[in-house]
Every structure is written in C-alpha cells, then in structure tokens.
Amino acid sequence: MRTAPPTYVPASALVTTAMAAQEAAVVPDTIRKWVQLQHLTPAGRRGRSHLFRLEDVFAAERATRRAHERRARA
C-alpha cells in the first residue's frame, strides 16, 4: 500500500491574514472569523501570525458567499 508523500507548501506560496483579506476583498476580521468557524485552516505560522494558502482562502470565500446567497433567497 502506497501512502501519498507529505504535501510541501513553499513559504512563498503562503500569505498573511492581511494579504488573504485583501485578495478575498474582505476585512482581516472576516479571515479570522472563517478560521474560528473552521471554514479556513491556516497552512502555517510565522511568529504569531497565521499563514494561508490562497486557494484555501478563495475556497472559503466561495463557500461562505454561496451559503449567504442561499439564505437570502429563502
């Protein structure tokens, strides 16, 4: 049985909370809320700061927008 090699994400591919918020067009508090609600998981840390993969940030943004749109239609 083969196991997948561990996923390596270079540090250059990770962004801070502020950069993630800017890319997703939200405020940094929203990124922190997504982490708290487990919609987004940090990929690493730099000191006390969380680091995120942009693709994870965009996936969380799409998921929360879809959920919001469903609630607005109901």
PDB file of N, CA and C in Angstrom:
ATOM      1  N   MET A   1       0.841  -1.174   0.000  1.00  0.00           N
ATOM      2  CA  MET A   1       0.000   0.000   0.000  1.00  0.00           C
ATOM      3  C   MET A   1       0.888   1.241   0.000  1.00  0.00           C
ATOM      4  N   ARG A   2       0.631   2.132  -0.926  1.00  0.00           N
ATOM      5  CA  ARG A   2       1.411   3.362  -1.016  1.00  0.00           C
ATOM      6  C   ARG A   2       0.719   4.473  -0.232  1.00  0.00           C
ATOM      7  N   THR A   3       1.530   5.299   0.356  1.00  0.00           N
ATOM      8  CA  THR A   3       0.987   6.482   1.004  1.00  0.00           C
ATOM      9  C   THR A   3       1.459   7.704   0.233  1.00  0.00           C
ATOM     10  N   ALA A   4       0.624   8.709   0.213  1.00  0.00           N
ATOM     11  CA  ALA A   4       0.985   9.930  -0.501  1.00  0.00           C
ATOM     12  C   ALA A   4       2.092  10.647   0.247  1.00  0.00           C
ATOM     13  N   PRO A   5       3.034  11.214  -0.471  1.00  0.00           N
ATOM     14  CA  PRO A   5       4.088  11.965   0.210  1.00  0.00           C
ATOM     15  C   PRO A   5       3.490  13.185   0.889  1.00  0.00           C
ATOM     16  N   PRO A   6       4.109  13.656   1.957  1.00  0.00           N
ATOM     17  CA  PRO A   6       3.569  14.838   2.631  1.00  0.00           C
ATOM     18  C   PRO A   6       3.552  16.031   1.684  1.00  0.00           C
ATOM     19  N   THR A   7       2.522  16.814   1.801  1.00  0.00           N
ATOM     20  CA  THR A   7       2.385  17.980   0.948  1.00  0.00           C
ATOM     21  C   THR A   7       3.311  19.078   1.447  1.00  0.00           C
ATOM     22  N   TYR A   8       4.120  19.586   0.556  1.00  0.00           N
ATOM     23  CA  TYR A   8       5.044  20.667   0.902  1.00  0.00           C
ATOM     24  C   TYR A   8       4.554  21.937   0.233  1.00  0.00           C
ATOM     25  N   VAL A   9       4.357  22.954   1.033  1.00  0.00           N
ATOM     26  CA  VAL A   9       3.943  24.255   0.508  1.00  0.00           C
ATOM     27  C   VAL A   9       5.073  25.227   0.777  1.00  0.00           C
ATOM     28  N   PRO A  10       5.717  25.747  -0.264  1.00  0.00           N
ATOM     29  CA  PRO A  10       6.807  26.687  -0.031  1.00  0.00           C
ATOM     30  C   PRO A  10       6.294  27.934   0.680  1.00  0.00           C
ATOM     31  N   ALA A  11       7.118  28.498   1.532  1.00  0.00           N
ATOM     32  CA  ALA A  11       6.729  29.667   2.313  1.00  0.00           C
ATOM     33  C   ALA A  11       6.298  30.820   1.412  1.00  0.00           C
ATOM     34  N   SER A  12       6.854  30.906   0.218  1.00  0.00           N
ATOM     35  CA  SER A  12       6.493  31.997  -0.689  1.00  0.00           C
ATOM     36  C   SER A  12       5.059  31.874  -1.193  1.00  0.00           C
ATOM     37  N   ALA A  13       4.460  30.674  -1.102  1.00  0.00           N
ATOM     38  CA  ALA A  13       3.094  30.472  -1.568  1.00  0.00           C
ATOM     39  C   ALA A  13       2.075  30.772  -0.476  1.00  0.00           C
ATOM     40  N   LEU A  14       2.539  31.138   0.706  1.00  0.00           N
ATOM     41  CA  LEU A  14       1.647  31.419   1.821  1.00  0.00           C
ATOM     42  C   LEU A  14       1.499  32.921   2.010  1.00  0.00           C
ATOM     43  N   VAL A  15       0.302  33.333   2.432  1.00  0.00           N
ATOM     44  CA  VAL A  15       0.039  34.755   2.640  1.00  0.00           C
ATOM     45  C   VAL A  15      -0.447  34.995   4.064  1.00  0.00           C
ATOM     46  N   THR A  16      -0.227  36.210   4.534  1.00  0.00           N
ATOM     47  CA  THR A  16      -0.665  36.592   5.877  1.00  0.00           C
ATOM     48  C   THR A  16      -2.173  36.839   5.886  1.00  0.00           C
ATOM     49  N   THR A  17      -2.709  37.039   7.073  1.00  0.00           N
ATOM     50  CA  THR A  17      -4.132  37.337   7.220  1.00  0.00           C
ATOM     51  C   THR A  17      -4.504  38.592   6.435  1.00  0.00           C
ATOM     52  N   ALA A  18      -3.695  39.636   6.551  1.00  0.00           N
ATOM     53  CA  ALA A  18      -3.991  40.892   5.851  1.00  0.00           C
ATOM     54  C   ALA A  18      -3.970  40.701   4.338  1.00  0.00           C
ATOM     55  N   MET A  19      -2.993  39.968   3.834  1.00  0.00           N
ATOM     56  CA  MET A  19      -2.902  39.733   2.395  1.00  0.00           C
ATOM     57  C   MET A  19      -4.060  38.851   1.913  1.00  0.00           C
ATOM     58  N   ALA A  20      -4.427  37.854   2.715  1.00  0.00           N
ATOM     59  CA  ALA A  20      -5.555  36.981   2.361  1.00  0.00           C
ATOM     60  C   ALA A  20      -6.842  37.790   2.297  1.00  0.00           C
ATOM     61  N   ALA A  21      -7.027  38.681   3.256  1.00  0.00           N
ATOM     62  CA  ALA A  21      -8.225  39.520   3.275  1.00  0.00           C
ATOM     63  C   ALA A  21      -8.274  40.420   2.052  1.00  0.00           C
ATOM     64  N   GLN A  22      -7.156  40.999   1.695  1.00  0.00           N
ATOM     65  CA  GLN A  22      -7.102  41.873   0.532  1.00  0.00           C
ATOM     66  C   GLN A  22      -7.457  41.109  -0.742  1.00  0.00           C
ATOM     67  N   GLU A  23      -6.916  39.905  -0.893  1.00  0.00           N
ATOM     68  CA  GLU A  23      -7.187  39.104  -2.088  1.00  0.00           C
ATOM     69  C   GLU A  23      -8.645  38.667  -2.172  1.00  0.00           C
ATOM     70  N   ALA A  24      -9.279  38.401  -1.019  1.00  0.00           N
ATOM     71  CA  ALA A  24     -10.669  37.950  -0.997  1.00  0.00           C
ATOM     72  C   ALA A  24     -11.653  39.117  -0.915  1.00  0.00           C
ATOM     73  N   ALA A  25     -11.139  40.338  -0.871  1.00  0.00           N
ATOM     74  CA  ALA A  25     -11.964  41.549  -0.792  1.00  0.00           C
ATOM     75  C   ALA A  25     -12.836  41.565   0.463  1.00  0.00           C
ATOM     76  N   VAL A  26     -12.234  41.174   1.584  1.00  0.00           N
ATOM     77  CA  VAL A  26     -12.899  41.228   2.881  1.00  0.00           C
ATOM     78  C   VAL A  26     -11.949  41.889   3.872  1.00  0.00           C
ATOM     79  N   VAL A  27     -12.417  42.124   5.084  1.00  0.00           N
ATOM     80  CA  VAL A  27     -11.554  42.697   6.111  1.00  0.00           C
ATOM     81  C   VAL A  27     -10.839  41.558   6.851  1.00  0.00           C
ATOM     82  N   PRO A  28      -9.687  41.829   7.463  1.00  0.00           N
ATOM     83  CA  PRO A  28      -8.953  40.779   8.172  1.00  0.00           C
ATOM     84  C   PRO A  28      -9.778  40.073   9.261  1.00  0.00           C
ATOM     85  N   ASP A  29     -10.700  40.788   9.890  1.00  0.00           N
ATOM     86  CA  ASP A  29     -11.555  40.139  10.894  1.00  0.00           C
ATOM     87  C   ASP A  29     -12.380  39.009  10.288  1.00  0.00           C
ATOM     88  N   THR A  30     -12.753  39.134   9.021  1.00  0.00           N
ATOM     89  CA  THR A  30     -13.505  38.078   8.349  1.00  0.00           C
ATOM     90  C   THR A  30     -12.653  36.821   8.198  1.00  0.00           C
ATOM     91  N   ILE A  31     -11.393  36.988   7.840  1.00  0.00           N
ATOM     92  CA  ILE A  31     -10.485  35.839   7.731  1.00  0.00           C
ATOM     93  C   ILE A  31     -10.371  35.147   9.091  1.00  0.00           C
ATOM     94  N   ARG A  32     -10.189  35.941  10.144  1.00  0.00           N
ATOM     95  CA  ARG A  32     -10.100  35.359  11.485  1.00  0.00           C
ATOM     96  C   ARG A  32     -11.389  34.649  11.873  1.00  0.00           C
ATOM     97  N   LYS A  33     -12.536  35.173  11.466  1.00  0.00           N
ATOM     98  CA  LYS A  33     -13.827  34.545  11.756  1.00  0.00           C
ATOM     99  C   LYS A  33     -13.957  33.226  11.015  1.00  0.00           C
ATOM    100  N   TRP A  34     -13.504  33.190   9.746  1.00  0.00           N
ATOM    101  CA  TRP A  34     -13.534  31.937   8.990  1.00  0.00           C
ATOM    102  C   TRP A  34     -12.692  30.870   9.678  1.00  0.00           C
ATOM    103  N   VAL A  35     -11.555  31.271  10.256  1.00  0.00           N
ATOM    104  CA  VAL A  35     -10.717  30.321  10.992  1.00  0.00           C
ATOM    105  C   VAL A  35     -11.466  29.843  12.228  1.00  0.00           C
ATOM    106  N   GLN A  36     -12.067  30.763  12.958  1.00  0.00           N
ATOM    107  CA  GLN A  36     -12.804  30.421  14.172  1.00  0.00           C
ATOM    108  C   GLN A  36     -13.950  29.462  13.870  1.00  0.00           C
ATOM    109  N   LEU A  37     -14.642  29.681  12.754  1.00  0.00           N
ATOM    110  CA  LEU A  37     -15.769  28.831  12.364  1.00  0.00           C
ATOM    111  C   LEU A  37     -15.327  27.581  11.605  1.00  0.00           C
ATOM    112  N   GLN A  38     -14.035  27.412  11.432  1.00  0.00           N
ATOM    113  CA  GLN A  38     -13.419  26.270  10.753  1.00  0.00           C
ATOM    114  C   GLN A  38     -13.781  26.192   9.272  1.00  0.00           C
ATOM    115  N   HIS A  39     -14.039  27.351   8.654  1.00  0.00           N
ATOM    116  CA  HIS A  39     -14.213  27.408   7.204  1.00  0.00           C
ATOM    117  C   HIS A  39     -12.852  27.484   6.519  1.00  0.00           C
ATOM    118  N   LEU A  40     -11.844  27.890   7.276  1.00  0.00           N
ATOM    119  CA  LEU A  40     -10.497  28.089   6.745  1.00  0.00           C
ATOM    120  C   LEU A  40      -9.490  27.593   7.776  1.00  0.00           C
ATOM    121  N   THR A  41      -8.497  26.861   7.314  1.00  0.00           N
ATOM    122  CA  THR A  41      -7.459  26.331   8.202  1.00  0.00           C
ATOM    123  C   THR A  41      -6.116  26.935   7.814  1.00  0.00           C
ATOM    124  N   PRO A  42      -5.394  27.492   8.779  1.00  0.00           N
ATOM    125  CA  PRO A  42      -4.066  28.032   8.475  1.00  0.00           C
ATOM    126  C   PRO A  42      -3.138  26.922   7.986  1.00  0.00           C
ATOM    127  N   ALA A  43      -2.288  27.250   7.032  1.00  0.00           N
ATOM    128  CA  ALA A  43      -1.327  26.286   6.485  1.00  0.00           C
ATOM    129  C   ALA A  43       0.007  26.372   7.213  1.00  0.00           C
ATOM    130  N   GLY A  44       0.181  27.399   8.027  1.00  0.00           N
ATOM    131  CA  GLY A  44       1.439  27.549   8.749  1.00  0.00           C
ATOM    132  C   GLY A  44       1.404  28.781   9.626  1.00  0.00           C
ATOM    133  N   ARG A  45       2.557  29.057  10.212  1.00  0.00           N
ATOM    134  CA  ARG A  45       2.682  30.220  11.082  1.00  0.00           C
ATOM    135  C   ARG A  45       4.021  30.901  10.817  1.00  0.00           C
ATOM    136  N   ARG A  46       4.032  32.193  11.028  1.00  0.00           N
ATOM    137  CA  ARG A  46       5.272  32.967  11.028  1.00  0.00           C
ATOM    138  C   ARG A  46       5.203  33.798  12.298  1.00  0.00           C
ATOM    139  N   GLY A  47       5.945  33.364  13.301  1.00  0.00           N
ATOM    140  CA  GLY A  47       5.821  34.013  14.604  1.00  0.00           C
ATOM    141  C   GLY A  47       4.432  33.729  15.150  1.00  0.00           C
ATOM    142  N   ARG A  48       3.715  34.796  15.474  1.00  0.00           N
ATOM    143  CA  ARG A  48       2.348  34.636  15.981  1.00  0.00           C
ATOM    144  C   ARG A  48       1.305  34.716  14.873  1.00  0.00           C
ATOM    145  N   SER A  49       1.719  35.014  13.667  1.00  0.00           N
ATOM    146  CA  SER A  49       0.781  35.216  12.555  1.00  0.00           C
ATOM    147  C   SER A  49       0.452  33.908  11.852  1.00  0.00           C
ATOM    148  N   HIS A  50      -0.820  33.745  11.509  1.00  0.00           N
ATOM    149  CA  HIS A  50      -1.223  32.618  10.681  1.00  0.00           C
ATOM    150  C   HIS A  50      -0.854  32.904   9.234  1.00  0.00           C
ATOM    151  N   LEU A  51      -0.543  31.852   8.505  1.00  0.00           N
ATOM    152  CA  LEU A  51      -0.284  31.936   7.072  1.00  0.00           C
ATOM    153  C   LEU A  51      -1.284  31.028   6.363  1.00  0.00           C
ATOM    154  N   PHE A  52      -1.748  31.477   5.199  1.00  0.00           N
ATOM    155  CA  PHE A  52      -2.782  30.748   4.479  1.00  0.00           C
ATOM    156  C   PHE A  52      -2.375  30.529   3.035  1.00  0.00           C
ATOM    157  N   ARG A  53      -2.860  29.421   2.456  1.00  0.00           N
ATOM    158  CA  ARG A  53      -2.715  29.203   1.022  1.00  0.00           C
ATOM    159  C   ARG A  53      -3.844  29.963   0.340  1.00  0.00           C
ATOM    160  N   LEU A  54      -3.535  30.687  -0.721  1.00  0.00           N
ATOM    161  CA  LEU A  54      -4.564  31.479  -1.392  1.00  0.00           C
ATOM    162  C   LEU A  54      -5.724  30.623  -1.895  1.00  0.00           C
ATOM    163  N   GLU A  55      -5.439  29.426  -2.387  1.00  0.00           N
ATOM    164  CA  GLU A  55      -6.525  28.583  -2.884  1.00  0.00           C
ATOM    165  C   GLU A  55      -7.490  28.206  -1.759  1.00  0.00           C
ATOM    166  N   ASP A  56      -6.980  28.047  -0.522  1.00  0.00           N
ATOM    167  CA  ASP A  56      -7.856  27.768   0.621  1.00  0.00           C
ATOM    168  C   ASP A  56      -8.705  28.989   0.963  1.00  0.00           C
ATOM    169  N   VAL A  57      -8.101  30.166   0.868  1.00  0.00           N
ATOM    170  CA  VAL A  57      -8.834  31.410   1.144  1.00  0.00           C
ATOM    171  C   VAL A  57      -9.968  31.571   0.135  1.00  0.00           C
ATOM    172  N   PHE A  58      -9.673  31.352  -1.143  1.00  0.00           N
ATOM    173  CA  PHE A  58     -10.709  31.509  -2.172  1.00  0.00           C
ATOM    174  C   PHE A  58     -11.807  30.463  -2.022  1.00  0.00           C
ATOM    175  N   ALA A  59     -11.447  29.252  -1.619  1.00  0.00           N
ATOM    176  CA  ALA A  59     -12.456  28.207  -1.403  1.00  0.00           C
ATOM    177  C   ALA A  59     -13.378  28.583  -0.243  1.00  0.00           C
ATOM    178  N   ALA A  60     -12.815  29.106   0.827  1.00  0.00           N
ATOM    179  CA  ALA A  60     -13.626  29.534   1.976  1.00  0.00           C
ATOM    180  C   ALA A  60     -14.530  30.699   1.583  1.00  0.00           C
ATOM    181  N   GLU A  61     -13.996  31.611   0.783  1.00  0.00           N
ATOM    182  CA  GLU A  61     -14.784  32.764   0.342  1.00  0.00           C
ATOM    183  C   GLU A  61     -15.959  32.314  -0.520  1.00  0.00           C
ATOM    184  N   ARG A  62     -15.722  31.395  -1.446  1.00  0.00           N
ATOM    185  CA  ARG A  62     -16.801  30.884  -2.297  1.00  0.00           C
ATOM    186  C   ARG A  62     -17.862  30.166  -1.465  1.00  0.00           C
ATOM    187  N   ALA A  63     -17.429  29.351  -0.528  1.00  0.00           N
ATOM    188  CA  ALA A  63     -18.361  28.582   0.301  1.00  0.00           C
ATOM    189  C   ALA A  63     -19.231  29.496   1.159  1.00  0.00           C
ATOM    190  N   THR A  64     -18.639  30.517   1.752  1.00  0.00           N
ATOM    191  CA  THR A  64     -19.428  31.404   2.610  1.00  0.00           C
ATOM    192  C   THR A  64     -20.360  32.278   1.775  1.00  0.00           C
ATOM    193  N   ARG A  65     -19.930  32.693   0.595  1.00  0.00           N
ATOM    194  CA  ARG A  65     -20.815  33.501  -0.270  1.00  0.00           C
ATOM    195  C   ARG A  65     -21.998  32.666  -0.756  1.00  0.00           C
ATOM    196  N   ARG A  66     -21.750  31.400  -1.121  1.00  0.00           N
ATOM    197  CA  ARG A  66     -22.847  30.524  -1.562  1.00  0.00           C
ATOM    198  C   ARG A  66     -23.855  30.318  -0.448  1.00  0.00           C
ATOM    199  N   ALA A  67     -23.376  30.090   0.760  1.00  0.00           N
ATOM    200  CA  ALA A  67     -24.265  29.887   1.907  1.00  0.00           C
ATOM    201  C   ALA A  67     -25.081  31.147   2.164  1.00  0.00           C
ATOM    202  N   HIS A  68     -24.452  32.302   2.054  1.00  0.00           N
ATOM    203  CA  HIS A  68     -25.149  33.567   2.264  1.00  0.00           C
ATOM    204  C   HIS A  68     -26.218  33.787   1.195  1.00  0.00           C
ATOM    205  N   GLU A  69     -25.897  33.461  -0.047  1.00  0.00           N
ATOM    206  CA  GLU A  69     -26.854  33.624  -1.136  1.00  0.00           C
ATOM    207  C   GLU A  69     -28.048  32.687  -0.963  1.00  0.00           C
ATOM    208  N   ARG A  70     -27.800  31.467  -0.491  1.00  0.00           N
ATOM    209  CA  ARG A  70     -28.908  30.524  -0.260  1.00  0.00           C
ATOM    210  C   ARG A  70     -29.853  31.038   0.818  1.00  0.00           C
ATOM    211  N   ARG A  71     -29.267  31.606   1.888  1.00  0.00           N
ATOM    212  CA  ARG A  71     -30.096  32.142   2.967  1.00  0.00           C
ATOM    213  C   ARG A  71     -30.886  33.362   2.506  1.00  0.00           C
ATOM    214  N   ALA A  72     -30.315  34.169   1.631  1.00  0.00           N
ATOM    215  CA  ALA A  72     -31.005  35.368   1.151  1.00  0.00           C
ATOM    216  C   ALA A  72     -32.205  35.021   0.268  1.00  0.00           C
ATOM    217  N   ARG A  73     -32.110  33.923  -0.463  1.00  0.00           N
ATOM    218  CA  ARG A  73     -33.226  33.515  -1.336  1.00  0.00           C
ATOM    219  C   ARG A  73     -34.382  32.907  -0.552  1.00  0.00           C
ATOM    220  N   ALA A  74     -34.086  32.288   0.560  1.00  0.00           N
ATOM    221  CA  ALA A  74     -35.116  31.584   1.337  1.00  0.00           C
ATOM    222  C   ALA A  74     -36.076  32.518   2.024  1.00  0.00           C
TER     223      ALA A  74
END
